[in-house]
Amino acid sequence: MPYHHGDLRRALLDTALTAIEEHGPVALSLRDVARRAGVSHAAPTHHFGDKTGLLTALAAEGWTMLADALAATAQRDPRFSELGVTYVVFATSHPAHFAVMRAPGLVRSDDPELVAAQKRAADHLRSGAARHPDPRAAEDPLTAVAGWALVHGLAALIVEGSIAPEPDVETLARAVAGRLGPAPVTNR
């Protein structure tokens, strides 16, 4: 169906997301995006310059969406583990964005919009780590890295189909992210 009106930039981004869900970001081509959107093959170039520009725009959009989701979670429930749940739910709900966000070699890593969005998301993760229930962990800069590694790994395993989210993504994410808090005390 040819594109006729509205926001062509948005239509191209959405079309690219669909193509990425089907074949991944590496296989994306501007000609395919144009064909799918029903526009001239020059239309994506006009808006994004090249494939890297299109992928950079999608990565910036994804990081912005993630930062917004983390901010909303922090207002609702500031626990470090809940930020982890939000990360996993975001990644599994937006697999095409997530694929581009974790493909730094395909984007312009110095793009100001991308850098700002990544910083916002990272700041939320770091501030969550600073609220860790264990004071030693809250002061340790590696707490945020460890938490991010844990939830990023879980998200990647789910998106790649390596594990099934039983009974659902949020429940599994909450159980795994719960490991970000202090270990339970056991009587031995």
Protein backbone atom coordinates (compact mmCIF):
# COMPACT_ATOMS: atom_id res chain seq x y z
CA MET A 1 0.00 0.00 0.00
CA PRO A 2 1.60 3.28 -1.06
CA TYR A 3 2.24 5.96 1.51
CA HIS A 4 0.04 9.01 0.88
CA HIS A 5 -0.07 11.36 3.86
CA GLY A 6 0.88 11.92 7.45
CA ASP A 7 4.29 11.61 9.03
CA LEU A 8 6.61 9.93 6.51
CA ARG A 9 9.52 9.85 8.97
CA ARG A 10 7.40 7.93 11.48
CA ALA A 11 6.11 5.60 8.77
CA LEU A 12 9.69 4.81 7.73
CA LEU A 13 10.72 4.16 11.34
CA ASP A 14 7.76 1.84 11.88
CA THR A 15 8.43 0.02 8.62
CA ALA A 16 12.08 -0.40 9.60
CA LEU A 17 11.04 -1.82 12.99
CA THR A 18 8.90 -4.43 11.24
CA ALA A 19 11.77 -5.38 8.93
CA ILE A 20 14.16 -5.62 11.90
CA GLU A 21 11.73 -7.90 13.76
CA GLU A 22 11.73 -10.19 10.73
CA HIS A 23 15.41 -10.20 9.75
CA GLY A 24 17.46 -8.26 12.33
CA PRO A 25 19.19 -4.89 12.05
CA VAL A 26 22.15 -6.09 9.99
CA ALA A 27 19.90 -7.22 7.12
CA LEU A 28 17.96 -3.94 7.01
CA SER A 29 18.14 -2.10 3.69
CA LEU A 30 16.81 1.34 2.84
CA ARG A 31 15.42 0.03 -0.46
CA ASP A 32 13.41 -2.61 1.38
CA VAL A 33 12.11 -0.04 3.87
CA ALA A 34 11.08 2.24 0.98
CA ARG A 35 9.41 -0.63 -0.88
CA ARG A 36 7.50 -1.74 2.22
CA ALA A 37 6.40 1.84 2.93
CA GLY A 38 5.35 2.35 -0.69
CA VAL A 39 7.62 5.32 -1.30
CA SER A 40 10.51 6.09 -3.63
CA HIS A 41 13.82 4.47 -2.78
CA ALA A 42 15.19 7.98 -2.10
CA ALA A 43 12.66 8.77 0.65
CA PRO A 44 14.56 7.07 3.52
CA THR A 45 17.78 8.75 2.37
CA HIS A 46 16.07 12.14 2.48
CA HIS A 47 15.06 11.59 6.13
CA PHE A 48 18.01 9.60 7.52
CA GLY A 49 20.91 9.94 5.10
CA ASP A 50 21.82 6.28 5.13
CA LYS A 51 21.15 2.98 6.87
CA THR A 52 23.32 4.02 9.82
CA GLY A 53 21.26 7.19 10.22
CA LEU A 54 18.02 5.20 10.26
CA LEU A 55 19.39 2.71 12.79
CA THR A 56 20.74 5.57 14.92
CA ALA A 57 17.30 7.19 14.97
CA LEU A 58 15.75 3.89 16.05
CA ALA A 59 18.38 3.35 18.75
CA ALA A 60 17.86 6.88 20.10
CA GLU A 61 14.11 6.31 20.10
CA GLY A 62 14.54 3.01 21.94
CA TRP A 63 16.84 4.47 24.59
CA THR A 64 14.42 7.38 25.06
CA MET A 65 11.50 5.00 25.50
CA LEU A 66 13.51 2.92 27.98
CA ALA A 67 14.56 6.02 29.95
CA ASP A 68 10.92 7.16 30.09
CA ALA A 69 9.81 3.71 31.30
CA LEU A 70 12.55 3.66 33.96
CA ALA A 71 11.56 7.16 35.12
CA ALA A 72 7.92 6.12 35.45
CA THR A 73 8.92 3.03 37.41
CA ALA A 74 11.19 5.02 39.73
CA GLN A 75 8.28 7.33 40.57
CA ARG A 76 5.92 4.42 41.20
CA ASP A 77 8.31 2.02 42.96
CA PRO A 78 11.91 3.13 43.51
CA ARG A 79 13.29 -0.32 44.34
CA PHE A 80 16.36 -1.27 42.31
CA SER A 81 14.80 -4.61 41.39
CA GLU A 82 11.73 -2.93 39.89
CA LEU A 83 13.93 -0.99 37.48
CA GLY A 84 15.28 -4.37 36.40
CA VAL A 85 11.77 -5.67 35.78
CA THR A 86 11.03 -2.58 33.69
CA TYR A 87 14.18 -3.16 31.63
CA VAL A 88 13.22 -6.78 30.83
CA VAL A 89 9.58 -5.93 30.07
CA PHE A 90 10.70 -3.08 27.80
CA ALA A 91 13.20 -5.25 25.92
CA THR A 92 10.75 -8.08 25.35
CA SER A 93 7.94 -5.70 24.39
CA HIS A 94 10.13 -3.81 21.90
CA PRO A 95 12.44 -6.48 20.43
CA ALA A 96 13.34 -4.51 17.29
CA HIS A 97 14.34 -1.44 19.30
CA PHE A 98 16.23 -3.68 21.72
CA ALA A 99 18.10 -5.34 18.82
CA VAL A 100 19.27 -1.97 17.52
CA MET A 101 20.07 -0.66 21.00
CA ARG A 102 22.46 -3.56 21.56
CA ALA A 103 24.14 -3.25 18.18
CA PRO A 104 26.44 -0.27 18.81
CA GLY A 105 28.56 -0.98 15.72
CA LEU A 106 25.57 -0.26 13.49
CA VAL A 107 24.82 3.23 14.80
CA ARG A 108 26.57 6.57 15.13
CA SER A 109 27.62 6.27 18.76
CA ASP A 110 28.43 9.98 18.94
CA ASP A 111 24.95 11.10 17.83
CA PRO A 112 23.87 13.73 20.41
CA GLU A 113 20.28 12.47 20.66
CA LEU A 114 21.47 8.89 21.12
CA VAL A 115 24.10 9.86 23.69
CA ALA A 116 21.57 11.89 25.69
CA ALA A 117 19.00 9.08 25.69
CA GLN A 118 21.60 6.47 26.73
CA LYS A 119 22.76 8.76 29.54
CA ARG A 120 19.20 9.25 30.83
CA ALA A 121 18.62 5.49 30.94
CA ALA A 122 22.00 4.83 32.58
CA ASP A 123 21.36 7.58 35.14
CA HIS A 124 18.10 5.91 36.15
CA LEU A 125 19.86 2.56 36.53
CA ARG A 126 22.66 4.13 38.59
CA SER A 127 20.19 5.99 40.81
CA GLY A 128 18.30 2.75 41.33
CA ALA A 129 21.53 1.04 42.37
CA ALA A 130 22.15 3.88 44.84
CA ARG A 131 18.84 2.92 46.51
CA HIS A 132 19.93 -0.71 46.93
CA PRO A 133 18.77 -2.04 50.31
CA ASP A 134 22.32 -3.10 51.24
CA PRO A 135 24.26 0.10 52.05
CA ARG A 136 27.55 -1.44 50.88
CA ALA A 137 26.02 -2.32 47.52
CA ALA A 138 24.41 1.10 47.23
CA GLU A 139 27.86 2.72 47.46
CA ASP A 140 29.55 0.29 45.06
CA PRO A 141 29.60 1.54 41.44
CA LEU A 142 29.64 -2.06 40.22
CA THR A 143 26.16 -2.65 41.64
CA ALA A 144 24.56 -0.86 38.68
CA VAL A 145 26.76 -2.78 36.24
CA ALA A 146 25.92 -6.10 37.89
CA GLY A 147 22.21 -5.31 37.90
CA TRP A 148 22.24 -4.21 34.28
CA ALA A 149 24.19 -7.32 33.27
CA LEU A 150 21.68 -9.54 35.04
CA VAL A 151 18.54 -8.03 33.54
CA HIS A 152 20.11 -7.45 30.12
CA GLY A 153 21.14 -11.09 30.00
CA LEU A 154 17.66 -12.23 30.97
CA ALA A 155 16.07 -9.96 28.37
CA ALA A 156 18.44 -11.22 25.66
CA LEU A 157 17.75 -14.85 26.56
CA ILE A 158 14.00 -14.28 26.31
CA VAL A 159 14.16 -12.27 23.07
CA GLU A 160 16.47 -14.84 21.46
CA GLY A 161 14.11 -17.64 22.46
CA SER A 162 16.70 -19.38 24.62
CA ILE A 163 14.35 -19.48 27.60
CA ALA A 164 10.60 -19.34 27.88
CA PRO A 165 9.29 -16.69 30.28
CA GLU A 166 7.33 -18.87 32.70
CA PRO A 167 4.66 -18.09 33.70
CA ASP A 168 5.11 -14.70 31.98
CA VAL A 169 7.82 -12.11 31.34
CA GLU A 170 7.01 -9.85 34.26
CA THR A 171 6.81 -12.67 36.81
CA LEU A 172 10.10 -14.21 35.65
CA ALA A 173 11.76 -10.79 35.52
CA ARG A 174 10.59 -10.00 39.04
CA ALA A 175 11.92 -13.33 40.35
CA VAL A 176 15.31 -12.83 38.68
CA ALA A 177 15.56 -9.11 39.47
CA GLY A 178 14.70 -9.96 43.07
CA ARG A 179 18.22 -11.38 43.22
CA LEU A 180 19.43 -7.76 43.03
CA GLY A 181 18.47 -7.25 46.65
CA PRO A 182 20.26 -8.62 49.70
CA ALA A 183 20.52 -12.37 49.94
CA PRO A 184 18.00 -13.97 52.27
CA VAL A 185 19.29 -14.87 55.69
CA THR A 186 19.32 -18.60 56.31
CA ASN A 187 19.81 -20.46 59.56
CA ARG A 188 22.36 -23.20 59.10
